[in-house]
């Protein structure tokens, strides 16, 4: 079994981002979607969200994951939950997978990377790309990094290596500009976001201590150090926002 920092972190986390499962379930509940509705979970990680969409809300879910190491974890979790009848897994880049799929009733996209296929899309470009994959009246549950205050230039440069982020007002404005209705938006409490990084770092360090000779140990230790440095330096600047958006009829 291949190991990576993310694989270790996501095995111990219920949700692979700085948000609680209850918040996600409450947001999905507001859509009124149920049996017969379709959903896409982009960057499914450990597949917890995809499984909940299938088992709690009776949705038919297409889960997308780029990282084959994470896809292995997702596949195992889906099978163990007995959710294979409602959850399918595609290993591919999000933009490529979306281009092959029919529009759906709900897209969940939490902490995604290169959602539009153009490298480092702006928030508006990401929302425009996702809106194309929604039915009229469909829903987008979007979660990602929110700047709580203007970050120092080095922090922005490191954090935005793969994605461009904005503040709460910026995410809302980008959603409106892309044609969405903003139904709800909230930033995770600080303790929830702190637990996300702390759990991930602790799990990675414990794994390295238990497997010091493993070929992946150096990389996992480096990533644990990197994440800890970013989170400690950026604690006053980085948050996680969750937005429920609706594609107009």
C-alpha atoms as a PDB file:
ATOM      1  CA  UNK A   1       0.000   0.000   0.000  1.00  0.00           C
ATOM      2  CA  UNK A   2       1.448   3.382  -1.053  1.00  0.00           C
ATOM      3  CA  UNK A   3       1.532   6.086   1.598  1.00  0.00           C
ATOM      4  CA  UNK A   4       1.635   9.870   1.447  1.00  0.00           C
ATOM      5  CA  UNK A   5       1.020  12.733   3.849  1.00  0.00           C
ATOM      6  CA  UNK A   6      -2.501  13.190   2.493  1.00  0.00           C
ATOM      7  CA  UNK A   7      -3.287   9.487   2.643  1.00  0.00           C
ATOM      8  CA  UNK A   8      -2.300   9.338   6.305  1.00  0.00           C
ATOM      9  CA  UNK A   9      -4.102  12.575   7.154  1.00  0.00           C
ATOM     10  CA  UNK A  10      -7.305  11.584   5.390  1.00  0.00           C
ATOM     11  CA  UNK A  11      -7.461   8.210   7.062  1.00  0.00           C
ATOM     12  CA  UNK A  12      -7.822   9.877  10.464  1.00  0.00           C
ATOM     13  CA  UNK A  13     -10.076  12.729   9.367  1.00  0.00           C
ATOM     14  CA  UNK A  14     -13.832  12.387   8.903  1.00  0.00           C
ATOM     15  CA  UNK A  15     -13.813  15.181   6.319  1.00  0.00           C
ATOM     16  CA  UNK A  16     -10.677  15.942   4.309  1.00  0.00           C
ATOM     17  CA  UNK A  17     -10.956  19.688   4.891  1.00  0.00           C
ATOM     18  CA  UNK A  18     -11.364  22.246   7.660  1.00  0.00           C
ATOM     19  CA  UNK A  19     -15.109  21.761   8.024  1.00  0.00           C
ATOM     20  CA  UNK A  20     -17.307  19.407  10.037  1.00  0.00           C
ATOM     21  CA  UNK A  21     -19.469  16.735   8.440  1.00  0.00           C
ATOM     22  CA  UNK A  22     -22.529  18.112  10.261  1.00  0.00           C
ATOM     23  CA  UNK A  23     -22.110  21.445   8.458  1.00  0.00           C
ATOM     24  CA  UNK A  24     -21.974  19.696   5.098  1.00  0.00           C
ATOM     25  CA  UNK A  25     -25.029  17.574   5.889  1.00  0.00           C
ATOM     26  CA  UNK A  26     -26.983  20.632   7.004  1.00  0.00           C
ATOM     27  CA  UNK A  27     -26.146  22.438   3.767  1.00  0.00           C
ATOM     28  CA  UNK A  28     -27.130  19.470   1.592  1.00  0.00           C
ATOM     29  CA  UNK A  29     -30.340  19.141   3.593  1.00  0.00           C
ATOM     30  CA  UNK A  30     -31.301  22.668   2.564  1.00  0.00           C
ATOM     31  CA  UNK A  31     -31.331  21.634  -1.109  1.00  0.00           C
ATOM     32  CA  UNK A  32     -34.263  19.271  -0.595  1.00  0.00           C
ATOM     33  CA  UNK A  33     -32.621  16.709  -2.874  1.00  0.00           C
ATOM     34  CA  UNK A  34     -33.378  13.032  -2.338  1.00  0.00           C
ATOM     35  CA  UNK A  35     -33.807   9.692  -4.027  1.00  0.00           C
ATOM     36  CA  UNK A  36     -33.404   9.977  -7.808  1.00  0.00           C
ATOM     37  CA  UNK A  37     -31.169  13.058  -7.661  1.00  0.00           C
ATOM     38  CA  UNK A  38     -27.602  12.957  -8.963  1.00  0.00           C
ATOM     39  CA  UNK A  39     -24.411  14.386  -7.503  1.00  0.00           C
ATOM     40  CA  UNK A  40     -20.708  14.749  -8.217  1.00  0.00           C
ATOM     41  CA  UNK A  41     -18.130  14.822  -5.417  1.00  0.00           C
ATOM     42  CA  UNK A  42     -14.939  16.408  -6.744  1.00  0.00           C
ATOM     43  CA  UNK A  43     -11.733  15.518  -4.933  1.00  0.00           C
ATOM     44  CA  UNK A  44     -13.486  12.835  -2.934  1.00  0.00           C
ATOM     45  CA  UNK A  45     -10.443  12.039  -0.776  1.00  0.00           C
ATOM     46  CA  UNK A  46     -11.489   9.344   1.694  1.00  0.00           C
ATOM     47  CA  UNK A  47     -15.005   9.279   0.152  1.00  0.00           C
ATOM     48  CA  UNK A  48     -16.777  10.104   3.428  1.00  0.00           C
ATOM     49  CA  UNK A  49     -18.807  12.870   1.802  1.00  0.00           C
ATOM     50  CA  UNK A  50     -19.710  10.766  -1.236  1.00  0.00           C
ATOM     51  CA  UNK A  51     -20.843   7.917   1.004  1.00  0.00           C
ATOM     52  CA  UNK A  52     -22.978  10.261   3.125  1.00  0.00           C
ATOM     53  CA  UNK A  53     -24.595  11.737   0.026  1.00  0.00           C
ATOM     54  CA  UNK A  54     -25.521   8.221  -1.059  1.00  0.00           C
ATOM     55  CA  UNK A  55     -26.575   6.727   2.263  1.00  0.00           C
ATOM     56  CA  UNK A  56     -28.158   9.684   4.087  1.00  0.00           C
ATOM     57  CA  UNK A  57     -29.678  11.502   1.107  1.00  0.00           C
ATOM     58  CA  UNK A  58     -30.131   8.565  -1.323  1.00  0.00           C
ATOM     59  CA  UNK A  59     -28.273  10.399  -4.103  1.00  0.00           C
ATOM     60  CA  UNK A  60     -26.501   8.697  -6.988  1.00  0.00           C
ATOM     61  CA  UNK A  61     -22.930   9.970  -6.710  1.00  0.00           C
ATOM     62  CA  UNK A  62     -20.046  10.174  -9.159  1.00  0.00           C
ATOM     63  CA  UNK A  63     -16.884  10.644  -7.084  1.00  0.00           C
ATOM     64  CA  UNK A  64     -13.782  12.089  -8.764  1.00  0.00           C
ATOM     65  CA  UNK A  65     -10.241  11.766  -7.420  1.00  0.00           C
ATOM     66  CA  UNK A  66      -6.983  12.615  -9.209  1.00  0.00           C
ATOM     67  CA  UNK A  67      -4.470  11.079  -6.778  1.00  0.00           C
ATOM     68  CA  UNK A  68      -4.306   7.282  -7.285  1.00  0.00           C
ATOM     69  CA  UNK A  69      -3.122   6.798  -3.694  1.00  0.00           C
ATOM     70  CA  UNK A  70      -6.184   8.631  -2.410  1.00  0.00           C
ATOM     71  CA  UNK A  71      -8.394   6.846  -4.931  1.00  0.00           C
ATOM     72  CA  UNK A  72      -7.292   3.538  -3.420  1.00  0.00           C
ATOM     73  CA  UNK A  73      -8.433   4.736   0.008  1.00  0.00           C
ATOM     74  CA  UNK A  74     -11.719   6.006  -1.435  1.00  0.00           C
ATOM     75  CA  UNK A  75     -12.364   2.748  -3.255  1.00  0.00           C
ATOM     76  CA  UNK A  76     -11.763   0.739  -0.084  1.00  0.00           C
ATOM     77  CA  UNK A  77     -14.056   3.004   1.970  1.00  0.00           C
ATOM     78  CA  UNK A  78     -16.857   2.862  -0.595  1.00  0.00           C
ATOM     79  CA  UNK A  79     -16.691  -0.934  -0.667  1.00  0.00           C
ATOM     80  CA  UNK A  80     -16.546  -1.236   3.130  1.00  0.00           C
ATOM     81  CA  UNK A  81     -19.617   0.996   3.456  1.00  0.00           C
ATOM     82  CA  UNK A  82     -21.545  -1.079   0.942  1.00  0.00           C
ATOM     83  CA  UNK A  83     -22.119   2.060  -1.103  1.00  0.00           C
ATOM     84  CA  UNK A  84     -20.928   0.713  -4.432  1.00  0.00           C
ATOM     85  CA  UNK A  85     -24.458   0.613  -5.794  1.00  0.00           C
ATOM     86  CA  UNK A  86     -24.844   4.379  -5.507  1.00  0.00           C
ATOM     87  CA  UNK A  87     -21.249   5.670  -5.616  1.00  0.00           C
ATOM     88  CA  UNK A  88     -18.967   5.325  -8.631  1.00  0.00           C
ATOM     89  CA  UNK A  89     -15.319   6.423  -8.611  1.00  0.00           C
ATOM     90  CA  UNK A  90     -13.432   8.033 -11.486  1.00  0.00           C
ATOM     91  CA  UNK A  91      -9.666   8.582 -11.266  1.00  0.00           C
ATOM     92  CA  UNK A  92      -9.003  11.638 -13.420  1.00  0.00           C
ATOM     93  CA  UNK A  93      -8.517  15.385 -13.451  1.00  0.00           C
ATOM     94  CA  UNK A  94     -11.707  17.152 -12.476  1.00  0.00           C
ATOM     95  CA  UNK A  95     -12.077  19.162 -15.677  1.00  0.00           C
ATOM     96  CA  UNK A  96     -11.571  16.084 -17.858  1.00  0.00           C
ATOM     97  CA  UNK A  97     -14.029  13.987 -15.856  1.00  0.00           C
ATOM     98  CA  UNK A  98     -16.675  16.718 -15.784  1.00  0.00           C
ATOM     99  CA  UNK A  99     -16.471  17.112 -19.558  1.00  0.00           C
ATOM    100  CA  UNK A 100     -17.550  13.465 -19.931  1.00  0.00           C
ATOM    101  CA  UNK A 101     -20.410  13.610 -17.415  1.00  0.00           C
ATOM    102  CA  UNK A 102     -24.002  14.728 -17.794  1.00  0.00           C
ATOM    103  CA  UNK A 103     -25.151  17.743 -15.745  1.00  0.00           C
ATOM    104  CA  UNK A 104     -26.233  16.830 -12.208  1.00  0.00           C
ATOM    105  CA  UNK A 105     -28.417  18.174  -9.406  1.00  0.00           C
ATOM    106  CA  UNK A 106     -25.586  18.764  -6.936  1.00  0.00           C
ATOM    107  CA  UNK A 107     -21.825  19.247  -7.060  1.00  0.00           C
ATOM    108  CA  UNK A 108     -19.752  19.107  -3.890  1.00  0.00           C
ATOM    109  CA  UNK A 109     -16.294  20.624  -4.345  1.00  0.00           C
ATOM    110  CA  UNK A 110     -14.178  20.970  -1.199  1.00  0.00           C
ATOM    111  CA  UNK A 111     -10.566  22.081  -1.446  1.00  0.00           C
ATOM    112  CA  UNK A 112     -10.351  21.289  -5.139  1.00  0.00           C
ATOM    113  CA  UNK A 113      -7.362  21.870  -7.414  1.00  0.00           C
ATOM    114  CA  UNK A 114      -7.466  23.235 -10.978  1.00  0.00           C
ATOM    115  CA  UNK A 115     -11.213  22.822 -11.250  1.00  0.00           C
ATOM    116  CA  UNK A 116     -11.395  24.448 -14.697  1.00  0.00           C
ATOM    117  CA  UNK A 117      -8.363  22.748 -16.250  1.00  0.00           C
ATOM    118  CA  UNK A 118      -6.513  26.016 -16.837  1.00  0.00           C
ATOM    119  CA  UNK A 119      -3.842  25.741 -14.148  1.00  0.00           C
ATOM    120  CA  UNK A 120      -4.626  28.312 -11.447  1.00  0.00           C
ATOM    121  CA  UNK A 121      -8.168  29.473 -12.157  1.00  0.00           C
ATOM    122  CA  UNK A 122      -9.593  32.587 -10.592  1.00  0.00           C
ATOM    123  CA  UNK A 123     -12.525  32.039  -8.225  1.00  0.00           C
ATOM    124  CA  UNK A 124     -14.922  33.255 -10.934  1.00  0.00           C
ATOM    125  CA  UNK A 125     -13.441  30.926 -13.581  1.00  0.00           C
ATOM    126  CA  UNK A 126     -13.790  27.972 -11.246  1.00  0.00           C
ATOM    127  CA  UNK A 127     -17.438  28.753 -10.573  1.00  0.00           C
ATOM    128  CA  UNK A 128     -18.191  29.245 -14.272  1.00  0.00           C
ATOM    129  CA  UNK A 129     -16.658  25.847 -15.063  1.00  0.00           C
ATOM    130  CA  UNK A 130     -18.708  24.115 -12.383  1.00  0.00           C
ATOM    131  CA  UNK A 131     -21.951  25.813 -13.364  1.00  0.00           C
ATOM    132  CA  UNK A 132     -21.695  24.149 -16.793  1.00  0.00           C
ATOM    133  CA  UNK A 133     -21.994  20.756 -15.083  1.00  0.00           C
ATOM    134  CA  UNK A 134     -25.155  21.628 -13.131  1.00  0.00           C
ATOM    135  CA  UNK A 135     -28.746  21.243 -14.219  1.00  0.00           C
ATOM    136  CA  UNK A 136     -30.941  24.359 -14.133  1.00  0.00           C
ATOM    137  CA  UNK A 137     -31.932  24.756 -10.507  1.00  0.00           C
ATOM    138  CA  UNK A 138     -28.957  22.625  -9.444  1.00  0.00           C
ATOM    139  CA  UNK A 139     -26.763  23.237  -6.420  1.00  0.00           C
ATOM    140  CA  UNK A 140     -23.067  23.752  -5.728  1.00  0.00           C
ATOM    141  CA  UNK A 141     -21.638  23.164  -2.253  1.00  0.00           C
ATOM    142  CA  UNK A 142     -18.253  24.842  -2.439  1.00  0.00           C
ATOM    143  CA  UNK A 143     -15.614  24.920   0.271  1.00  0.00           C
ATOM    144  CA  UNK A 144     -12.111  26.335   0.163  1.00  0.00           C
ATOM    145  CA  UNK A 145      -9.493  28.562   1.724  1.00  0.00           C
ATOM    146  CA  UNK A 146     -10.705  32.023   2.712  1.00  0.00           C
ATOM    147  CA  UNK A 147      -8.356  34.876   3.463  1.00  0.00           C
ATOM    148  CA  UNK A 148      -9.417  36.273   6.834  1.00  0.00           C
ATOM    149  CA  UNK A 149      -7.101  39.263   6.365  1.00  0.00           C
ATOM    150  CA  UNK A 150      -4.683  40.366   3.665  1.00  0.00           C
ATOM    151  CA  UNK A 151      -1.835  37.828   3.938  1.00  0.00           C
ATOM    152  CA  UNK A 152       1.863  38.624   3.800  1.00  0.00           C
ATOM    153  CA  UNK A 153       3.187  38.154   0.260  1.00  0.00           C
ATOM    154  CA  UNK A 154       5.246  35.012   1.082  1.00  0.00           C
ATOM    155  CA  UNK A 155       2.222  33.324   2.654  1.00  0.00           C
ATOM    156  CA  UNK A 156       0.039  34.112  -0.354  1.00  0.00           C
ATOM    157  CA  UNK A 157       2.712  32.850  -2.738  1.00  0.00           C
ATOM    158  CA  UNK A 158       3.104  29.519  -0.931  1.00  0.00           C
ATOM    159  CA  UNK A 159      -0.589  28.973  -0.286  1.00  0.00           C
ATOM    160  CA  UNK A 160      -1.651  29.889  -3.822  1.00  0.00           C
ATOM    161  CA  UNK A 161       0.838  27.610  -5.584  1.00  0.00           C
ATOM    162  CA  UNK A 162      -2.018  25.652  -7.205  1.00  0.00           C
ATOM    163  CA  UNK A 163      -5.159  27.752  -6.588  1.00  0.00           C
ATOM    164  CA  UNK A 164      -6.064  31.406  -6.282  1.00  0.00           C
ATOM    165  CA  UNK A 165      -8.054  32.338  -3.184  1.00  0.00           C
ATOM    166  CA  UNK A 166      -9.959  35.356  -1.939  1.00  0.00           C
ATOM    167  CA  UNK A 167     -11.782  36.607   1.117  1.00  0.00           C
ATOM    168  CA  UNK A 168     -15.415  35.947   2.035  1.00  0.00           C
ATOM    169  CA  UNK A 169     -16.689  38.941   0.081  1.00  0.00           C
ATOM    170  CA  UNK A 170     -14.575  37.886  -2.892  1.00  0.00           C
ATOM    171  CA  UNK A 171     -15.986  34.338  -2.977  1.00  0.00           C
ATOM    172  CA  UNK A 172     -19.529  35.679  -2.822  1.00  0.00           C
ATOM    173  CA  UNK A 173     -18.866  38.222  -5.551  1.00  0.00           C
ATOM    174  CA  UNK A 174     -17.240  35.577  -7.773  1.00  0.00           C
ATOM    175  CA  UNK A 175     -20.249  33.281  -7.350  1.00  0.00           C
ATOM    176  CA  UNK A 176     -22.673  36.062  -8.267  1.00  0.00           C
ATOM    177  CA  UNK A 177     -20.548  37.057 -11.255  1.00  0.00           C
ATOM    178  CA  UNK A 178     -20.594  33.444 -12.478  1.00  0.00           C
ATOM    179  CA  UNK A 179     -24.394  33.470 -12.373  1.00  0.00           C
ATOM    180  CA  UNK A 180     -25.058  31.686  -9.080  1.00  0.00           C
ATOM    181  CA  UNK A 181     -27.415  32.656  -6.303  1.00  0.00           C
ATOM    182  CA  UNK A 182     -25.631  32.680  -2.934  1.00  0.00           C
ATOM    183  CA  UNK A 183     -27.936  30.820  -0.554  1.00  0.00           C
ATOM    184  CA  UNK A 184     -25.576  30.563   2.404  1.00  0.00           C
ATOM    185  CA  UNK A 185     -21.960  31.088   3.322  1.00  0.00           C
ATOM    186  CA  UNK A 186     -20.028  30.637   6.530  1.00  0.00           C
ATOM    187  CA  UNK A 187     -16.462  30.333   7.771  1.00  0.00           C
ATOM    188  CA  UNK A 188     -15.526  27.360   9.937  1.00  0.00           C
ATOM    189  CA  UNK A 189     -14.905  28.129  13.614  1.00  0.00           C
ATOM    190  CA  UNK A 190     -11.218  28.505  14.398  1.00  0.00           C
ATOM    191  CA  UNK A 191     -11.129  25.370  16.550  1.00  0.00           C
ATOM    192  CA  UNK A 192     -12.540  23.295  13.692  1.00  0.00           C
ATOM    193  CA  UNK A 193      -9.919  24.586  11.267  1.00  0.00           C
ATOM    194  CA  UNK A 194      -7.153  24.125  13.856  1.00  0.00           C
ATOM    195  CA  UNK A 195      -8.208  20.512  14.422  1.00  0.00           C
ATOM    196  CA  UNK A 196      -7.992  19.800  10.684  1.00  0.00           C
ATOM    197  CA  UNK A 197      -4.305  20.673  10.508  1.00  0.00           C
ATOM    198  CA  UNK A 198      -3.429  19.356  13.972  1.00  0.00           C
ATOM    199  CA  UNK A 199      -4.987  15.940  13.336  1.00  0.00           C
ATOM    200  CA  UNK A 200      -3.242  15.641   9.974  1.00  0.00           C
ATOM    201  CA  UNK A 201       0.180  16.645  11.290  1.00  0.00           C
ATOM    202  CA  UNK A 202      -0.047  14.405  14.375  1.00  0.00           C
ATOM    203  CA  UNK A 203      -1.071  11.389  12.296  1.00  0.00           C
ATOM    204  CA  UNK A 204       1.794  11.942   9.854  1.00  0.00           C
ATOM    205  CA  UNK A 205       4.385  12.300  12.616  1.00  0.00           C
ATOM    206  CA  UNK A 206       3.110   9.173  14.348  1.00  0.00           C
ATOM    207  CA  UNK A 207       3.355   7.218  11.088  1.00  0.00           C
ATOM    208  CA  UNK A 208       6.935   8.372  10.480  1.00  0.00           C
ATOM    209  CA  UNK A 209       7.899   7.422  14.039  1.00  0.00           C
ATOM    210  CA  UNK A 210       6.408   3.959  13.520  1.00  0.00           C
ATOM    211  CA  UNK A 211       7.970   3.524  10.041  1.00  0.00           C
ATOM    212  CA  UNK A 212      11.315   5.399  10.132  1.00  0.00           C
ATOM    213  CA  UNK A 213      12.874   3.215   7.432  1.00  0.00           C
ATOM    214  CA  UNK A 214       9.984   3.445   4.976  1.00  0.00           C
ATOM    215  CA  UNK A 215      10.940   5.028   1.646  1.00  0.00           C
ATOM    216  CA  UNK A 216       8.105   7.556   2.004  1.00  0.00           C
ATOM    217  CA  UNK A 217       9.142   8.642   5.523  1.00  0.00           C
ATOM    218  CA  UNK A 218      11.261  11.591   4.402  1.00  0.00           C
ATOM    219  CA  UNK A 219       8.579  13.022   2.147  1.00  0.00           C
ATOM    220  CA  UNK A 220       5.865  12.580   4.770  1.00  0.00           C
ATOM    221  CA  UNK A 221       8.017  14.263   7.439  1.00  0.00           C
ATOM    222  CA  UNK A 222       8.788  17.150   5.087  1.00  0.00           C
ATOM    223  CA  UNK A 223       5.114  17.690   4.290  1.00  0.00           C
ATOM    224  CA  UNK A 224       4.168  17.557   7.968  1.00  0.00           C
ATOM    225  CA  UNK A 225       6.772  20.244   8.682  1.00  0.00           C
ATOM    226  CA  UNK A 226       5.604  22.324   5.706  1.00  0.00           C
ATOM    227  CA  UNK A 227       1.929  22.205   6.676  1.00  0.00           C
ATOM    228  CA  UNK A 228       2.721  23.010  10.299  1.00  0.00           C
ATOM    229  CA  UNK A 229       4.846  26.007   9.301  1.00  0.00           C
ATOM    230  CA  UNK A 230       2.156  27.359   6.971  1.00  0.00           C
ATOM    231  CA  UNK A 231      -0.616  26.910   9.512  1.00  0.00           C
ATOM    232  CA  UNK A 232       1.334  28.448  12.380  1.00  0.00           C
ATOM    233  CA  UNK A 233       2.483  31.421  10.318  1.00  0.00           C
ATOM    234  CA  UNK A 234      -0.884  31.828   8.647  1.00  0.00           C
ATOM    235  CA  UNK A 235      -3.237  31.203  11.566  1.00  0.00           C
ATOM    236  CA  UNK A 236      -4.477  34.802  11.604  1.00  0.00           C
ATOM    237  CA  UNK A 237      -4.949  34.869   7.841  1.00  0.00           C
ATOM    238  CA  UNK A 238      -6.248  31.477   6.660  1.00  0.00           C
ATOM    239  CA  UNK A 239      -9.742  30.107   7.214  1.00  0.00           C
ATOM    240  CA  UNK A 240     -12.109  27.714   5.468  1.00  0.00           C
ATOM    241  CA  UNK A 241     -15.341  28.910   3.911  1.00  0.00           C
ATOM    242  CA  UNK A 242     -18.369  26.813   2.972  1.00  0.00           C
ATOM    243  CA  UNK A 243     -20.829  28.224   0.439  1.00  0.00           C
ATOM    244  CA  UNK A 244     -24.153  26.849  -0.770  1.00  0.00           C
ATOM    245  CA  UNK A 245     -24.873  28.198  -4.242  1.00  0.00           C
ATOM    246  CA  UNK A 246     -27.815  27.652  -6.575  1.00  0.00           C
ATOM    247  CA  UNK A 247     -27.840  27.627 -10.354  1.00  0.00           C
ATOM    248  CA  UNK A 248     -30.964  29.595 -11.370  1.00  0.00           C
ATOM    249  CA  UNK A 249     -33.726  27.747 -13.224  1.00  0.00           C
END
